[in-house]
Amino acid sequence: GFYFVDTIRKEREFERLLSTPSKEVFVKNMGRIEELTYDHLPSAYERRFLDKKREFRIKS
């Protein structure tokens, strides 16, 4: 029930935050993206997050 709905909501938020073409917006939201990636979503999302960081040439 609730866990499934919560995961879907977090996946949608992750998609919305990751889809920005702006490096500034991405960096501003990076804390929340990291929280979703490492604490709430399956490990497959980590690769997508790291790819986006590489795309914007963000280190660490």
PDB file of N, CA and C in Angstrom:
ATOM      1  N   GLY A   1       0.774  -1.175   0.000  1.00  0.00           N
ATOM      2  CA  GLY A   1       0.000   0.000   0.000  1.00  0.00           C
ATOM      3  C   GLY A   1       0.831   1.262   0.000  1.00  0.00           C
ATOM      4  N   PHE A   2       1.045   1.791   1.190  1.00  0.00           N
ATOM      5  CA  PHE A   2       1.691   3.094   1.322  1.00  0.00           C
ATOM      6  C   PHE A   2       3.105   3.092   0.761  1.00  0.00           C
ATOM      7  N   TYR A   3       3.877   2.043   1.037  1.00  0.00           N
ATOM      8  CA  TYR A   3       5.270   1.997   0.586  1.00  0.00           C
ATOM      9  C   TYR A   3       5.349   2.110  -0.933  1.00  0.00           C
ATOM     10  N   PHE A   4       4.472   1.425  -1.634  1.00  0.00           N
ATOM     11  CA  PHE A   4       4.458   1.459  -3.095  1.00  0.00           C
ATOM     12  C   PHE A   4       4.149   2.867  -3.605  1.00  0.00           C
ATOM     13  N   VAL A   5       3.128   3.489  -3.047  1.00  0.00           N
ATOM     14  CA  VAL A   5       2.733   4.838  -3.461  1.00  0.00           C
ATOM     15  C   VAL A   5       3.856   5.828  -3.168  1.00  0.00           C
ATOM     16  N   ASP A   6       4.488   5.698  -2.004  1.00  0.00           N
ATOM     17  CA  ASP A   6       5.582   6.584  -1.616  1.00  0.00           C
ATOM     18  C   ASP A   6       6.763   6.440  -2.580  1.00  0.00           C
ATOM     19  N   THR A   7       7.079   5.220  -2.966  1.00  0.00           N
ATOM     20  CA  THR A   7       8.185   4.987  -3.896  1.00  0.00           C
ATOM     21  C   THR A   7       7.885   5.603  -5.258  1.00  0.00           C
ATOM     22  N   ILE A   8       6.673   5.453  -5.742  1.00  0.00           N
ATOM     23  CA  ILE A   8       6.276   6.051  -7.025  1.00  0.00           C
ATOM     24  C   ILE A   8       6.419   7.569  -6.958  1.00  0.00           C
ATOM     25  N   ARG A   9       5.977   8.170  -5.859  1.00  0.00           N
ATOM     26  CA  ARG A   9       6.080   9.622  -5.694  1.00  0.00           C
ATOM     27  C   ARG A   9       7.541  10.067  -5.717  1.00  0.00           C
ATOM     28  N   LYS A  10       8.401   9.324  -5.050  1.00  0.00           N
ATOM     29  CA  LYS A  10       9.825   9.670  -5.005  1.00  0.00           C
ATOM     30  C   LYS A  10      10.491   9.459  -6.361  1.00  0.00           C
ATOM     31  N   GLU A  11      10.075   8.436  -7.103  1.00  0.00           N
ATOM     32  CA  GLU A  11      10.604   8.229  -8.455  1.00  0.00           C
ATOM     33  C   GLU A  11      10.241   9.406  -9.356  1.00  0.00           C
ATOM     34  N   ARG A  12       9.020   9.885  -9.255  1.00  0.00           N
ATOM     35  CA  ARG A  12       8.586  11.025 -10.069  1.00  0.00           C
ATOM     36  C   ARG A  12       9.362  12.282  -9.697  1.00  0.00           C
ATOM     37  N   GLU A  13       9.566  12.499  -8.398  1.00  0.00           N
ATOM     38  CA  GLU A  13      10.343  13.658  -7.957  1.00  0.00           C
ATOM     39  C   GLU A  13      11.774  13.566  -8.487  1.00  0.00           C
ATOM     40  N   PHE A  14      12.374  12.373  -8.406  1.00  0.00           N
ATOM     41  CA  PHE A  14      13.726  12.151  -8.912  1.00  0.00           C
ATOM     42  C   PHE A  14      13.795  12.484 -10.400  1.00  0.00           C
ATOM     43  N   GLU A  15      12.832  11.983 -11.173  1.00  0.00           N
ATOM     44  CA  GLU A  15      12.797  12.241 -12.619  1.00  0.00           C
ATOM     45  C   GLU A  15      12.699  13.736 -12.903  1.00  0.00           C
ATOM     46  N   ARG A  16      11.851  14.416 -12.150  1.00  0.00           N
ATOM     47  CA  ARG A  16      11.661  15.855 -12.354  1.00  0.00           C
ATOM     48  C   ARG A  16      12.952  16.614 -12.050  1.00  0.00           C
ATOM     49  N   LEU A  17      13.597  16.275 -10.932  1.00  0.00           N
ATOM     50  CA  LEU A  17      14.823  16.969 -10.542  1.00  0.00           C
ATOM     51  C   LEU A  17      15.974  16.662 -11.496  1.00  0.00           C
ATOM     52  N   LEU A  18      16.034  15.441 -11.990  1.00  0.00           N
ATOM     53  CA  LEU A  18      17.145  15.036 -12.856  1.00  0.00           C
ATOM     54  C   LEU A  18      16.977  15.548 -14.289  1.00  0.00           C
ATOM     55  N   SER A  19      15.769  15.866 -14.693  1.00  0.00           N
ATOM     56  CA  SER A  19      15.516  16.226 -16.091  1.00  0.00           C
ATOM     57  C   SER A  19      15.877  17.670 -16.425  1.00  0.00           C
ATOM     58  N   THR A  20      16.340  18.442 -15.467  1.00  0.00           N
ATOM     59  CA  THR A  20      16.663  19.841 -15.737  1.00  0.00           C
ATOM     60  C   THR A  20      17.866  19.972 -16.670  1.00  0.00           C
ATOM     61  N   PRO A  21      17.780  20.882 -17.643  1.00  0.00           N
ATOM     62  CA  PRO A  21      18.942  21.131 -18.505  1.00  0.00           C
ATOM     63  C   PRO A  21      19.921  22.129 -17.880  1.00  0.00           C
ATOM     64  N   SER A  22      19.554  22.694 -16.731  1.00  0.00           N
ATOM     65  CA  SER A  22      20.348  23.742 -16.099  1.00  0.00           C
ATOM     66  C   SER A  22      21.265  23.177 -15.016  1.00  0.00           C
ATOM     67  N   LYS A  23      22.556  23.423 -15.150  1.00  0.00           N
ATOM     68  CA  LYS A  23      23.516  22.979 -14.135  1.00  0.00           C
ATOM     69  C   LYS A  23      23.227  23.672 -12.805  1.00  0.00           C
ATOM     70  N   GLU A  24      22.885  24.957 -12.848  1.00  0.00           N
ATOM     71  CA  GLU A  24      22.612  25.713 -11.628  1.00  0.00           C
ATOM     72  C   GLU A  24      21.459  25.088 -10.834  1.00  0.00           C
ATOM     73  N   VAL A  25      20.381  24.752 -11.514  1.00  0.00           N
ATOM     74  CA  VAL A  25      19.222  24.144 -10.852  1.00  0.00           C
ATOM     75  C   VAL A  25      19.589  22.760 -10.321  1.00  0.00           C
ATOM     76  N   PHE A  26      20.355  22.006 -11.097  1.00  0.00           N
ATOM     77  CA  PHE A  26      20.783  20.673 -10.672  1.00  0.00           C
ATOM     78  C   PHE A  26      21.612  20.757  -9.397  1.00  0.00           C
ATOM     79  N   VAL A  27      22.578  21.673  -9.362  1.00  0.00           N
ATOM     80  CA  VAL A  27      23.437  21.821  -8.182  1.00  0.00           C
ATOM     81  C   VAL A  27      22.611  22.263  -6.978  1.00  0.00           C
ATOM     82  N   LYS A  28      21.658  23.164  -7.205  1.00  0.00           N
ATOM     83  CA  LYS A  28      20.804  23.646  -6.115  1.00  0.00           C
ATOM     84  C   LYS A  28      19.992  22.499  -5.504  1.00  0.00           C
ATOM     85  N   ASN A  29      19.556  21.562  -6.336  1.00  0.00           N
ATOM     86  CA  ASN A  29      18.720  20.452  -5.877  1.00  0.00           C
ATOM     87  C   ASN A  29      19.517  19.185  -5.564  1.00  0.00           C
ATOM     88  N   MET A  30      20.839  19.249  -5.645  1.00  0.00           N
ATOM     89  CA  MET A  30      21.653  18.045  -5.519  1.00  0.00           C
ATOM     90  C   MET A  30      21.497  17.365  -4.156  1.00  0.00           C
ATOM     91  N   GLY A  31      21.314  18.123  -3.101  1.00  0.00           N
ATOM     92  CA  GLY A  31      21.115  17.522  -1.782  1.00  0.00           C
ATOM     93  C   GLY A  31      19.897  16.613  -1.759  1.00  0.00           C
ATOM     94  N   ARG A  32      18.797  17.095  -2.284  1.00  0.00           N
ATOM     95  CA  ARG A  32      17.565  16.294  -2.323  1.00  0.00           C
ATOM     96  C   ARG A  32      17.720  15.098  -3.261  1.00  0.00           C
ATOM     97  N   ILE A  33      18.384  15.307  -4.400  1.00  0.00           N
ATOM     98  CA  ILE A  33      18.593  14.203  -5.340  1.00  0.00           C
ATOM     99  C   ILE A  33      19.427  13.108  -4.682  1.00  0.00           C
ATOM    100  N   GLU A  34      20.490  13.505  -3.959  1.00  0.00           N
ATOM    101  CA  GLU A  34      21.325  12.516  -3.270  1.00  0.00           C
ATOM    102  C   GLU A  34      20.527  11.774  -2.205  1.00  0.00           C
ATOM    103  N   GLU A  35      19.682  12.493  -1.470  1.00  0.00           N
ATOM    104  CA  GLU A  35      18.852  11.843  -0.447  1.00  0.00           C
ATOM    105  C   GLU A  35      17.937  10.800  -1.085  1.00  0.00           C
ATOM    106  N   LEU A  36      17.274  11.163  -2.161  1.00  0.00           N
ATOM    107  CA  LEU A  36      16.399  10.210  -2.851  1.00  0.00           C
ATOM    108  C   LEU A  36      17.198   9.025  -3.375  1.00  0.00           C
ATOM    109  N   THR A  37      18.351   9.311  -3.992  1.00  0.00           N
ATOM    110  CA  THR A  37      19.160   8.273  -4.630  1.00  0.00           C
ATOM    111  C   THR A  37      19.670   7.255  -3.628  1.00  0.00           C
ATOM    112  N   TYR A  38      20.251   7.726  -2.542  1.00  0.00           N
ATOM    113  CA  TYR A  38      20.944   6.823  -1.629  1.00  0.00           C
ATOM    114  C   TYR A  38      20.063   6.290  -0.503  1.00  0.00           C
ATOM    115  N   ASP A  39      18.982   6.998  -0.164  1.00  0.00           N
ATOM    116  CA  ASP A  39      18.179   6.583   0.987  1.00  0.00           C
ATOM    117  C   ASP A  39      16.838   5.959   0.620  1.00  0.00           C
ATOM    118  N   HIS A  40      16.280   6.313  -0.538  1.00  0.00           N
ATOM    119  CA  HIS A  40      14.890   5.930  -0.790  1.00  0.00           C
ATOM    120  C   HIS A  40      14.643   5.111  -2.049  1.00  0.00           C
ATOM    121  N   LEU A  41      15.565   5.142  -3.008  1.00  0.00           N
ATOM    122  CA  LEU A  41      15.297   4.490  -4.295  1.00  0.00           C
ATOM    123  C   LEU A  41      16.279   3.357  -4.558  1.00  0.00           C
ATOM    124  N   PRO A  42      15.928   2.435  -5.450  1.00  0.00           N
ATOM    125  CA  PRO A  42      16.822   1.316  -5.791  1.00  0.00           C
ATOM    126  C   PRO A  42      18.154   1.801  -6.369  1.00  0.00           C
ATOM    127  N   SER A  43      19.143   0.947  -6.334  1.00  0.00           N
ATOM    128  CA  SER A  43      20.509   1.332  -6.714  1.00  0.00           C
ATOM    129  C   SER A  43      20.648   1.716  -8.186  1.00  0.00           C
ATOM    130  N   ALA A  44      19.728   1.314  -9.041  1.00  0.00           N
ATOM    131  CA  ALA A  44      19.800   1.685 -10.457  1.00  0.00           C
ATOM    132  C   ALA A  44      19.738   3.206 -10.634  1.00  0.00           C
ATOM    133  N   TYR A  45      19.116   3.902  -9.712  1.00  0.00           N
ATOM    134  CA  TYR A  45      19.016   5.355  -9.804  1.00  0.00           C
ATOM    135  C   TYR A  45      20.356   6.024  -9.538  1.00  0.00           C
ATOM    136  N   GLU A  46      21.223   5.362  -8.784  1.00  0.00           N
ATOM    137  CA  GLU A  46      22.536   5.932  -8.489  1.00  0.00           C
ATOM    138  C   GLU A  46      23.332   6.148  -9.779  1.00  0.00           C
ATOM    139  N   ARG A  47      23.305   5.187 -10.680  1.00  0.00           N
ATOM    140  CA  ARG A  47      24.044   5.305 -11.935  1.00  0.00           C
ATOM    141  C   ARG A  47      23.548   6.503 -12.744  1.00  0.00           C
ATOM    142  N   ARG A  48      22.251   6.686 -12.802  1.00  0.00           N
ATOM    143  CA  ARG A  48      21.689   7.817 -13.550  1.00  0.00           C
ATOM    144  C   ARG A  48      22.106   9.146 -12.924  1.00  0.00           C
ATOM    145  N   PHE A  49      22.116   9.191 -11.591  1.00  0.00           N
ATOM    146  CA  PHE A  49      22.549  10.400 -10.885  1.00  0.00           C
ATOM    147  C   PHE A  49      24.016  10.698 -11.186  1.00  0.00           C
ATOM    148  N   LEU A  50      24.864   9.673 -11.129  1.00  0.00           N
ATOM    149  CA  LEU A  50      26.291   9.863 -11.390  1.00  0.00           C
ATOM    150  C   LEU A  50      26.541  10.264 -12.845  1.00  0.00           C
ATOM    151  N   ASP A  51      25.762   9.707 -13.770  1.00  0.00           N
ATOM    152  CA  ASP A  51      25.889  10.094 -15.181  1.00  0.00           C
ATOM    153  C   ASP A  51      25.548  11.575 -15.378  1.00  0.00           C
ATOM    154  N   LYS A  52      24.512  12.028 -14.694  1.00  0.00           N
ATOM    155  CA  LYS A  52      24.114  13.434 -14.810  1.00  0.00           C
ATOM    156  C   LYS A  52      25.186  14.342 -14.209  1.00  0.00           C
ATOM    157  N   LYS A  53      25.785  13.924 -13.090  1.00  0.00           N
ATOM    158  CA  LYS A  53      26.877  14.708 -12.508  1.00  0.00           C
ATOM    159  C   LYS A  53      28.044  14.795 -13.486  1.00  0.00           C
ATOM    160  N   ARG A  54      28.360  13.682 -14.145  1.00  0.00           N
ATOM    161  CA  ARG A  54      29.438  13.672 -15.133  1.00  0.00           C
ATOM    162  C   ARG A  54      29.102  14.597 -16.309  1.00  0.00           C
ATOM    163  N   GLU A  55      27.845  14.565 -16.726  1.00  0.00           N
ATOM    164  CA  GLU A  55      27.408  15.409 -17.843  1.00  0.00           C
ATOM    165  C   GLU A  55      27.650  16.891 -17.534  1.00  0.00           C
ATOM    166  N   PHE A  56      27.392  17.294 -16.292  1.00  0.00           N
ATOM    167  CA  PHE A  56      27.592  18.685 -15.885  1.00  0.00           C
ATOM    168  C   PHE A  56      29.007  18.944 -15.373  1.00  0.00           C
ATOM    169  N   ARG A  57      29.864  17.909 -15.386  1.00  0.00           N
ATOM    170  CA  ARG A  57      31.252  17.995 -14.912  1.00  0.00           C
ATOM    171  C   ARG A  57      31.334  18.462 -13.465  1.00  0.00           C
ATOM    172  N   ILE A  58      30.533  17.830 -12.607  1.00  0.00           N
ATOM    173  CA  ILE A  58      30.543  18.131 -11.180  1.00  0.00           C
ATOM    174  C   ILE A  58      31.377  17.067 -10.493  1.00  0.00           C
ATOM    175  N   LYS A  59      32.350  17.504  -9.713  1.00  0.00           N
ATOM    176  CA  LYS A  59      33.213  16.553  -9.007  1.00  0.00           C
ATOM    177  C   LYS A  59      32.674  16.310  -7.600  1.00  0.00           C
ATOM    178  N   SER A  60      33.128  15.224  -7.003  1.00  0.00           N
ATOM    179  CA  SER A  60      32.808  14.781  -5.628  1.00  0.00           C
ATOM    180  C   SER A  60      31.486  14.128  -5.452  1.00  0.00           C
TER     181      SER A  60
END
